[in-house]
Every structure is written in structure tokens, then in C-alpha cells.
Amino acid sequence: MKQQVLVLYLATSALDSKVVGWANYDGTGRTNPTTGDSDEPPYESGLHALHDGWRLFQASQLIPPYPGVEYDTSFMKHEFFFEKLES
């Protein structure tokens, strides 16, 4: 079995919110996706990825911002990791 990994950054912590960033990794070697190789996200939302057979295996923690840093630039906090297993 080989693993494909899909990382989706969503607008909010809800799986049905809009995809705002993404990355694909293909452990099968069938494709060679790279970050920024498409202007369109692979899915409209995380829920659409689930409907297409991707398995969710990690979601980021929901950490509230500290007072006074609500508008600072930082990491994309609504990150979800999905996988597909291929033989």
C-alpha cells in the first residue's frame, strides 16, 4: 500500500468551509504535484474531499489568539490532512 496525502487549508475550522490553500503529495509516484501548480483548489471544501474517498487523519488545534495579536500574520490555522491508500 502507498499513501497519497492532501493538505487543505480552510477558511474556518468547519470541514464544509471554503478551501483557501492546498498541497498534494503522491507516494505512489504516479503524479508529481507541486505547491502552486494550479490556480483552482482540488476540492471546494474538506467535506468534498471526504465525499471523494479521502480519509481525514489530522486537523489543527483550535487555539484562540492572544489579546493584542488578533491581526498579526502567522501560520494558516485551519489545516486538515487527508490520505488515500493505493495498492
PDB file of N, CA and C in Angstrom:
ATOM      1  N   MET A   1       0.833  -1.180   0.000  1.00  0.00           N
ATOM      2  CA  MET A   1       0.000   0.000   0.000  1.00  0.00           C
ATOM      3  C   MET A   1       0.880   1.247   0.000  1.00  0.00           C
ATOM      4  N   LYS A   2       0.489   2.238  -0.794  1.00  0.00           N
ATOM      5  CA  LYS A   2       1.195   3.510  -0.838  1.00  0.00           C
ATOM      6  C   LYS A   2       0.210   4.620  -0.519  1.00  0.00           C
ATOM      7  N   GLN A   3       0.743   5.685   0.060  1.00  0.00           N
ATOM      8  CA  GLN A   3      -0.106   6.747   0.583  1.00  0.00           C
ATOM      9  C   GLN A   3      -0.047   8.000  -0.287  1.00  0.00           C
ATOM     10  N   GLN A   4      -1.224   8.578  -0.508  1.00  0.00           N
ATOM     11  CA  GLN A   4      -1.338   9.908  -1.089  1.00  0.00           C
ATOM     12  C   GLN A   4      -1.804  10.830   0.031  1.00  0.00           C
ATOM     13  N   VAL A   5      -1.231  12.027   0.105  1.00  0.00           N
ATOM     14  CA  VAL A   5      -1.577  12.972   1.161  1.00  0.00           C
ATOM     15  C   VAL A   5      -2.065  14.262   0.529  1.00  0.00           C
ATOM     16  N   LEU A   6      -3.143  14.781   1.073  1.00  0.00           N
ATOM     17  CA  LEU A   6      -3.729  16.043   0.641  1.00  0.00           C
ATOM     18  C   LEU A   6      -3.842  16.949   1.861  1.00  0.00           C
ATOM     19  N   VAL A   7      -3.232  18.131   1.789  1.00  0.00           N
ATOM     20  CA  VAL A   7      -3.313  19.105   2.880  1.00  0.00           C
ATOM     21  C   VAL A   7      -4.213  20.237   2.397  1.00  0.00           C
ATOM     22  N   LEU A   8      -5.288  20.482   3.135  1.00  0.00           N
ATOM     23  CA  LEU A   8      -6.202  21.572   2.799  1.00  0.00           C
ATOM     24  C   LEU A   8      -6.195  22.593   3.919  1.00  0.00           C
ATOM     25  N   TYR A   9      -6.105  23.854   3.548  1.00  0.00           N
ATOM     26  CA  TYR A   9      -6.238  24.961   4.490  1.00  0.00           C
ATOM     27  C   TYR A   9      -7.601  25.580   4.217  1.00  0.00           C
ATOM     28  N   LEU A  10      -8.469  25.581   5.227  1.00  0.00           N
ATOM     29  CA  LEU A  10      -9.839  26.044   5.046  1.00  0.00           C
ATOM     30  C   LEU A  10     -10.034  27.432   5.644  1.00  0.00           C
ATOM     31  N   ALA A  11     -11.092  28.108   5.199  1.00  0.00           N
ATOM     32  CA  ALA A  11     -11.383  29.463   5.668  1.00  0.00           C
ATOM     33  C   ALA A  11     -11.735  29.483   7.153  1.00  0.00           C
ATOM     34  N   THR A  12     -12.337  28.406   7.650  1.00  0.00           N
ATOM     35  CA  THR A  12     -12.688  28.298   9.066  1.00  0.00           C
ATOM     36  C   THR A  12     -12.373  26.884   9.536  1.00  0.00           C
ATOM     37  N   SER A  13     -12.689  26.581  10.770  1.00  0.00           N
ATOM     38  CA  SER A  13     -12.438  25.246  11.312  1.00  0.00           C
ATOM     39  C   SER A  13     -13.480  24.225  10.871  1.00  0.00           C
ATOM     40  N   ALA A  14     -14.521  24.638  10.169  1.00  0.00           N
ATOM     41  CA  ALA A  14     -15.574  23.722   9.708  1.00  0.00           C
ATOM     42  C   ALA A  14     -15.148  23.029   8.422  1.00  0.00           C
ATOM     43  N   LEU A  15     -15.325  21.713   8.352  1.00  0.00           N
ATOM     44  CA  LEU A  15     -14.923  20.952   7.172  1.00  0.00           C
ATOM     45  C   LEU A  15     -15.663  21.366   5.906  1.00  0.00           C
ATOM     46  N   ASP A  16     -16.814  21.997   6.056  1.00  0.00           N
ATOM     47  CA  ASP A  16     -17.558  22.415   4.865  1.00  0.00           C
ATOM     48  C   ASP A  16     -17.250  23.850   4.449  1.00  0.00           C
ATOM     49  N   SER A  17     -16.215  24.454   5.032  1.00  0.00           N
ATOM     50  CA  SER A  17     -15.838  25.809   4.632  1.00  0.00           C
ATOM     51  C   SER A  17     -14.915  25.760   3.411  1.00  0.00           C
ATOM     52  N   LYS A  18     -14.755  26.893   2.770  1.00  0.00           N
ATOM     53  CA  LYS A  18     -14.021  27.024   1.506  1.00  0.00           C
ATOM     54  C   LYS A  18     -12.524  26.744   1.663  1.00  0.00           C
ATOM     55  N   VAL A  19     -11.957  26.055   0.685  1.00  0.00           N
ATOM     56  CA  VAL A  19     -10.512  25.806   0.635  1.00  0.00           C
ATOM     57  C   VAL A  19      -9.809  27.093   0.207  1.00  0.00           C
ATOM     58  N   VAL A  20      -8.815  27.522   0.999  1.00  0.00           N
ATOM     59  CA  VAL A  20      -8.058  28.737   0.675  1.00  0.00           C
ATOM     60  C   VAL A  20      -6.600  28.441   0.331  1.00  0.00           C
ATOM     61  N   GLY A  21      -6.141  27.229   0.578  1.00  0.00           N
ATOM     62  CA  GLY A  21      -4.779  26.815   0.252  1.00  0.00           C
ATOM     63  C   GLY A  21      -4.702  25.298   0.285  1.00  0.00           C
ATOM     64  N   TRP A  22      -3.732  24.731  -0.438  1.00  0.00           N
ATOM     65  CA  TRP A  22      -3.658  23.277  -0.507  1.00  0.00           C
ATOM     66  C   TRP A  22      -2.276  22.828  -0.956  1.00  0.00           C
ATOM     67  N   ALA A  23      -1.990  21.546  -0.699  1.00  0.00           N
ATOM     68  CA  ALA A  23      -0.774  20.890  -1.180  1.00  0.00           C
ATOM     69  C   ALA A  23      -1.084  19.407  -1.353  1.00  0.00           C
ATOM     70  N   ASN A  24      -0.522  18.802  -2.393  1.00  0.00           N
ATOM     71  CA  ASN A  24      -0.705  17.373  -2.666  1.00  0.00           C
ATOM     72  C   ASN A  24       0.644  16.679  -2.619  1.00  0.00           C
ATOM     73  N   TYR A  25       0.659  15.450  -2.141  1.00  0.00           N
ATOM     74  CA  TYR A  25       1.858  14.625  -2.130  1.00  0.00           C
ATOM     75  C   TYR A  25       1.448  13.222  -2.546  1.00  0.00           C
ATOM     76  N   ASP A  26       2.129  12.657  -3.534  1.00  0.00           N
ATOM     77  CA  ASP A  26       1.732  11.361  -4.080  1.00  0.00           C
ATOM     78  C   ASP A  26       2.825  10.332  -3.859  1.00  0.00           C
ATOM     79  N   GLY A  27       2.643   9.488  -2.858  1.00  0.00           N
ATOM     80  CA  GLY A  27       3.605   8.431  -2.548  1.00  0.00           C
ATOM     81  C   GLY A  27       3.569   7.284  -3.528  1.00  0.00           C
ATOM     82  N   THR A  28       2.576   7.254  -4.439  1.00  0.00           N
ATOM     83  CA  THR A  28       2.516   6.184  -5.431  1.00  0.00           C
ATOM     84  C   THR A  28       3.492   6.427  -6.569  1.00  0.00           C
ATOM     85  N   GLY A  29       3.917   7.688  -6.752  1.00  0.00           N
ATOM     86  CA  GLY A  29       4.812   8.031  -7.841  1.00  0.00           C
ATOM     87  C   GLY A  29       4.122   8.223  -9.172  1.00  0.00           C
ATOM     88  N   ARG A  30       2.790   8.085  -9.208  1.00  0.00           N
ATOM     89  CA  ARG A  30       2.040   8.243 -10.463  1.00  0.00           C
ATOM     90  C   ARG A  30       1.972   9.696 -10.925  1.00  0.00           C
ATOM     91  N   THR A  31       1.979  10.637  -9.965  1.00  0.00           N
ATOM     92  CA  THR A  31       1.943  12.055 -10.302  1.00  0.00           C
ATOM     93  C   THR A  31       3.032  12.773  -9.516  1.00  0.00           C
ATOM     94  N   ASN A  32       3.350  13.979  -9.948  1.00  0.00           N
ATOM     95  CA  ASN A  32       4.363  14.789  -9.287  1.00  0.00           C
ATOM     96  C   ASN A  32       3.812  16.180  -9.000  1.00  0.00           C
ATOM     97  N   PRO A  33       2.788  16.298  -8.176  1.00  0.00           N
ATOM     98  CA  PRO A  33       2.225  17.623  -7.912  1.00  0.00           C
ATOM     99  C   PRO A  33       3.200  18.488  -7.119  1.00  0.00           C
ATOM    100  N   THR A  34       3.142  19.787  -7.357  1.00  0.00           N
ATOM    101  CA  THR A  34       3.950  20.725  -6.586  1.00  0.00           C
ATOM    102  C   THR A  34       3.069  21.862  -6.108  1.00  0.00           C
ATOM    103  N   THR A  35       3.460  22.490  -5.029  1.00  0.00           N
ATOM    104  CA  THR A  35       2.709  23.612  -4.500  1.00  0.00           C
ATOM    105  C   THR A  35       2.676  24.725  -5.531  1.00  0.00           C
ATOM    106  N   GLY A  36       1.497  25.284  -5.757  1.00  0.00           N
ATOM    107  CA  GLY A  36       1.347  26.384  -6.697  1.00  0.00           C
ATOM    108  C   GLY A  36       1.197  25.955  -8.139  1.00  0.00           C
ATOM    109  N   ASP A  37       0.966  24.651  -8.387  1.00  0.00           N
ATOM    110  CA  ASP A  37       0.850  24.207  -9.777  1.00  0.00           C
ATOM    111  C   ASP A  37      -0.569  24.326 -10.328  1.00  0.00           C
ATOM    112  N   SER A  38      -1.466  24.910  -9.556  1.00  0.00           N
ATOM    113  CA  SER A  38      -2.844  25.078 -10.014  1.00  0.00           C
ATOM    114  C   SER A  38      -3.461  26.311  -9.368  1.00  0.00           C
ATOM    115  N   ASP A  39      -4.274  27.008 -10.133  1.00  0.00           N
ATOM    116  CA  ASP A  39      -4.989  28.167  -9.598  1.00  0.00           C
ATOM    117  C   ASP A  39      -6.297  27.771  -8.931  1.00  0.00           C
ATOM    118  N   GLU A  40      -6.751  26.563  -9.194  1.00  0.00           N
ATOM    119  CA  GLU A  40      -8.004  26.066  -8.633  1.00  0.00           C
ATOM    120  C   GLU A  40      -7.724  24.994  -7.592  1.00  0.00           C
ATOM    121  N   PRO A  41      -8.381  25.063  -6.433  1.00  0.00           N
ATOM    122  CA  PRO A  41      -8.174  24.015  -5.421  1.00  0.00           C
ATOM    123  C   PRO A  41      -8.706  22.672  -5.915  1.00  0.00           C
ATOM    124  N   PRO A  42      -8.156  21.574  -5.402  1.00  0.00           N
ATOM    125  CA  PRO A  42      -8.616  20.258  -5.840  1.00  0.00           C
ATOM    126  C   PRO A  42     -10.049  19.961  -5.395  1.00  0.00           C
ATOM    127  N   TYR A  43     -10.496  20.621  -4.347  1.00  0.00           N
ATOM    128  CA  TYR A  43     -11.858  20.455  -3.826  1.00  0.00           C
ATOM    129  C   TYR A  43     -12.379  21.794  -3.342  1.00  0.00           C
ATOM    130  N   GLU A  44     -13.677  21.950  -3.348  1.00  0.00           N
ATOM    131  CA  GLU A  44     -14.310  23.178  -2.870  1.00  0.00           C
ATOM    132  C   GLU A  44     -14.228  23.295  -1.355  1.00  0.00           C
ATOM    133  N   SER A  45     -14.256  22.152  -0.667  1.00  0.00           N
ATOM    134  CA  SER A  45     -14.209  22.126   0.799  1.00  0.00           C
ATOM    135  C   SER A  45     -13.598  20.806   1.253  1.00  0.00           C
ATOM    136  N   GLY A  46     -13.329  20.705   2.544  1.00  0.00           N
ATOM    137  CA  GLY A  46     -12.860  19.450   3.109  1.00  0.00           C
ATOM    138  C   GLY A  46     -13.911  18.361   3.011  1.00  0.00           C
ATOM    139  N   LEU A  47     -15.155  18.742   3.114  1.00  0.00           N
ATOM    140  CA  LEU A  47     -16.256  17.781   3.006  1.00  0.00           C
ATOM    141  C   LEU A  47     -16.289  17.146   1.617  1.00  0.00           C
ATOM    142  N   HIS A  48     -16.006  17.936   0.587  1.00  0.00           N
ATOM    143  CA  HIS A  48     -15.959  17.391  -0.771  1.00  0.00           C
ATOM    144  C   HIS A  48     -14.838  16.365  -0.919  1.00  0.00           C
ATOM    145  N   ALA A  49     -13.716  16.591  -0.241  1.00  0.00           N
ATOM    146  CA  ALA A  49     -12.629  15.613  -0.263  1.00  0.00           C
ATOM    147  C   ALA A  49     -13.075  14.309   0.396  1.00  0.00           C
ATOM    148  N   LEU A  50     -13.802  14.404   1.495  1.00  0.00           N
ATOM    149  CA  LEU A  50     -14.328  13.197   2.154  1.00  0.00           C
ATOM    150  C   LEU A  50     -15.277  12.445   1.228  1.00  0.00           C
ATOM    151  N   HIS A  51     -16.133  13.184   0.523  1.00  0.00           N
ATOM    152  CA  HIS A  51     -17.073  12.552  -0.406  1.00  0.00           C
ATOM    153  C   HIS A  51     -16.346  11.813  -1.524  1.00  0.00           C
ATOM    154  N   ASP A  52     -15.136  12.268  -1.870  1.00  0.00           N
ATOM    155  CA  ASP A  52     -14.357  11.653  -2.944  1.00  0.00           C
ATOM    156  C   ASP A  52     -13.462  10.515  -2.449  1.00  0.00           C
ATOM    157  N   GLY A  53     -13.582  10.149  -1.186  1.00  0.00           N
ATOM    158  CA  GLY A  53     -12.856   8.992  -0.676  1.00  0.00           C
ATOM    159  C   GLY A  53     -11.607   9.294   0.127  1.00  0.00           C
ATOM    160  N   TRP A  54     -11.251  10.577   0.309  1.00  0.00           N
ATOM    161  CA  TRP A  54     -10.107  10.917   1.149  1.00  0.00           C
ATOM    162  C   TRP A  54     -10.476  10.711   2.608  1.00  0.00           C
ATOM    163  N   ARG A  55      -9.534  10.194   3.381  1.00  0.00           N
ATOM    164  CA  ARG A  55      -9.749   9.962   4.814  1.00  0.00           C
ATOM    165  C   ARG A  55      -9.064  11.066   5.592  1.00  0.00           C
ATOM    166  N   LEU A  56      -9.803  11.691   6.490  1.00  0.00           N
ATOM    167  CA  LEU A  56      -9.239  12.743   7.342  1.00  0.00           C
ATOM    168  C   LEU A  56      -8.449  12.080   8.459  1.00  0.00           C
ATOM    169  N   PHE A  57      -7.170  12.474   8.624  1.00  0.00           N
ATOM    170  CA  PHE A  57      -6.405  11.895   9.728  1.00  0.00           C
ATOM    171  C   PHE A  57      -5.802  12.921  10.657  1.00  0.00           C
ATOM    172  N   GLN A  58      -5.911  14.202  10.356  1.00  0.00           N
ATOM    173  CA  GLN A  58      -5.438  15.206  11.308  1.00  0.00           C
ATOM    174  C   GLN A  58      -6.077  16.542  11.012  1.00  0.00           C
ATOM    175  N   ALA A  59      -6.465  17.228  12.069  1.00  0.00           N
ATOM    176  CA  ALA A  59      -6.965  18.598  11.975  1.00  0.00           C
ATOM    177  C   ALA A  59      -6.204  19.433  13.003  1.00  0.00           C
ATOM    178  N   SER A  60      -5.977  20.685  12.672  1.00  0.00           N
ATOM    179  CA  SER A  60      -5.219  21.537  13.588  1.00  0.00           C
ATOM    180  C   SER A  60      -6.029  21.842  14.846  1.00  0.00           C
ATOM    181  N   GLN A  61      -5.327  22.125  15.919  1.00  0.00           N
ATOM    182  CA  GLN A  61      -5.983  22.523  17.165  1.00  0.00           C
ATOM    183  C   GLN A  61      -6.613  23.896  16.991  1.00  0.00           C
ATOM    184  N   LEU A  62      -7.698  24.111  17.680  1.00  0.00           N
ATOM    185  CA  LEU A  62      -8.321  25.430  17.676  1.00  0.00           C
ATOM    186  C   LEU A  62      -7.751  26.222  18.847  1.00  0.00           C
ATOM    187  N   ILE A  63      -6.837  27.121  18.536  1.00  0.00           N
ATOM    188  CA  ILE A  63      -6.173  27.920  19.558  1.00  0.00           C
ATOM    189  C   ILE A  63      -6.605  29.372  19.382  1.00  0.00           C
ATOM    190  N   PRO A  64      -7.232  29.963  20.387  1.00  0.00           N
ATOM    191  CA  PRO A  64      -7.641  31.357  20.254  1.00  0.00           C
ATOM    192  C   PRO A  64      -6.425  32.286  20.259  1.00  0.00           C
ATOM    193  N   PRO A  65      -6.512  33.413  19.543  1.00  0.00           N
ATOM    194  CA  PRO A  65      -5.388  34.346  19.538  1.00  0.00           C
ATOM    195  C   PRO A  65      -5.216  35.006  20.899  1.00  0.00           C
ATOM    196  N   TYR A  66      -3.978  35.332  21.221  1.00  0.00           N
ATOM    197  CA  TYR A  66      -3.714  36.051  22.459  1.00  0.00           C
ATOM    198  C   TYR A  66      -4.188  37.487  22.301  1.00  0.00           C
ATOM    199  N   PRO A  67      -4.666  38.105  23.371  1.00  0.00           N
ATOM    200  CA  PRO A  67      -5.110  39.501  23.277  1.00  0.00           C
ATOM    201  C   PRO A  67      -3.999  40.399  22.728  1.00  0.00           C
ATOM    202  N   GLY A  68      -4.370  41.209  21.747  1.00  0.00           N
ATOM    203  CA  GLY A  68      -3.428  42.135  21.149  1.00  0.00           C
ATOM    204  C   GLY A  68      -2.743  41.634  19.894  1.00  0.00           C
ATOM    205  N   VAL A  69      -2.885  40.330  19.565  1.00  0.00           N
ATOM    206  CA  VAL A  69      -2.249  39.793  18.356  1.00  0.00           C
ATOM    207  C   VAL A  69      -3.273  39.228  17.357  1.00  0.00           C
ATOM    208  N   GLU A  70      -4.510  39.645  17.490  1.00  0.00           N
ATOM    209  CA  GLU A  70      -5.579  39.111  16.644  1.00  0.00           C
ATOM    210  C   GLU A  70      -5.340  39.344  15.157  1.00  0.00           C
ATOM    211  N   TYR A  71      -4.602  40.391  14.813  1.00  0.00           N
ATOM    212  CA  TYR A  71      -4.413  40.733  13.404  1.00  0.00           C
ATOM    213  C   TYR A  71      -2.980  40.519  12.915  1.00  0.00           C
ATOM    214  N   ASP A  72      -2.148  39.841  13.702  1.00  0.00           N
ATOM    215  CA  ASP A  72      -0.789  39.530  13.274  1.00  0.00           C
ATOM    216  C   ASP A  72      -0.815  38.418  12.228  1.00  0.00           C
ATOM    217  N   THR A  73       0.155  38.435  11.331  1.00  0.00           N
ATOM    218  CA  THR A  73       0.293  37.378  10.334  1.00  0.00           C
ATOM    219  C   THR A  73       0.988  36.186  10.982  1.00  0.00           C
ATOM    220  N   SER A  74       0.483  34.985  10.692  1.00  0.00           N
ATOM    221  CA  SER A  74       1.041  33.777  11.287  1.00  0.00           C
ATOM    222  C   SER A  74       0.768  32.604  10.353  1.00  0.00           C
ATOM    223  N   PHE A  75       0.833  31.386  10.873  1.00  0.00           N
ATOM    224  CA  PHE A  75       0.548  30.194  10.099  1.00  0.00           C
ATOM    225  C   PHE A  75      -0.948  30.131   9.766  1.00  0.00           C
ATOM    226  N   MET A  76      -1.277  29.304   8.778  1.00  0.00           N
ATOM    227  CA  MET A  76      -2.686  29.106   8.431  1.00  0.00           C
ATOM    228  C   MET A  76      -3.242  28.085   9.415  1.00  0.00           C
ATOM    229  N   LYS A  77      -4.129  28.511  10.264  1.00  0.00           N
ATOM    230  CA  LYS A  77      -4.506  27.680  11.405  1.00  0.00           C
ATOM    231  C   LYS A  77      -5.577  26.630  11.140  1.00  0.00           C
ATOM    232  N   HIS A  78      -6.292  26.699  10.046  1.00  0.00           N
ATOM    233  CA  HIS A  78      -7.351  25.704   9.795  1.00  0.00           C
ATOM    234  C   HIS A  78      -6.846  24.693   8.777  1.00  0.00           C
ATOM    235  N   GLU A  79      -5.887  23.868   9.225  1.00  0.00           N
ATOM    236  CA  GLU A  79      -5.180  22.922   8.371  1.00  0.00           C
ATOM    237  C   GLU A  79      -5.731  21.513   8.599  1.00  0.00           C
ATOM    238  N   PHE A  80      -6.027  20.816   7.506  1.00  0.00           N
ATOM    239  CA  PHE A  80      -6.562  19.464   7.578  1.00  0.00           C
ATOM    240  C   PHE A  80      -5.729  18.549   6.680  1.00  0.00           C
ATOM    241  N   PHE A  81      -5.339  17.383   7.203  1.00  0.00           N
ATOM    242  CA  PHE A  81      -4.582  16.399   6.440  1.00  0.00           C
ATOM    243  C   PHE A  81      -5.497  15.234   6.087  1.00  0.00           C
ATOM    244  N   PHE A  82      -5.487  14.862   4.816  1.00  0.00           N
ATOM    245  CA  PHE A  82      -6.278  13.747   4.311  1.00  0.00           C
ATOM    246  C   PHE A  82      -5.339  12.736   3.661  1.00  0.00           C
ATOM    247  N   GLU A  83      -5.783  11.476   3.578  1.00  0.00           N
ATOM    248  CA  GLU A  83      -4.982  10.459   2.904  1.00  0.00           C
ATOM    249  C   GLU A  83      -5.861   9.539   2.081  1.00  0.00           C
ATOM    250  N   LYS A  84      -5.262   8.963   1.059  1.00  0.00           N
ATOM    251  CA  LYS A  84      -5.826   7.853   0.298  1.00  0.00           C
ATOM    252  C   LYS A  84      -4.753   6.791   0.244  1.00  0.00           C
ATOM    253  N   LEU A  85      -5.149   5.540   0.379  1.00  0.00           N
ATOM    254  CA  LEU A  85      -4.207   4.426   0.265  1.00  0.00           C
ATOM    255  C   LEU A  85      -4.446   3.736  -1.055  1.00  0.00           C
ATOM    256  N   GLU A  86      -3.364   3.535  -1.813  1.00  0.00           N
ATOM    257  CA  GLU A  86      -3.431   2.891  -3.123  1.00  0.00           C
ATOM    258  C   GLU A  86      -2.543   1.668  -3.111  1.00  0.00           C
ATOM    259  N   SER A  87      -2.942   0.655  -3.848  1.00  0.00           N
ATOM    260  CA  SER A  87      -2.096  -0.538  -3.930  1.00  0.00           C
ATOM    261  C   SER A  87      -1.264  -0.518  -5.183  1.00  0.00           C
TER     262      SER A  87
END
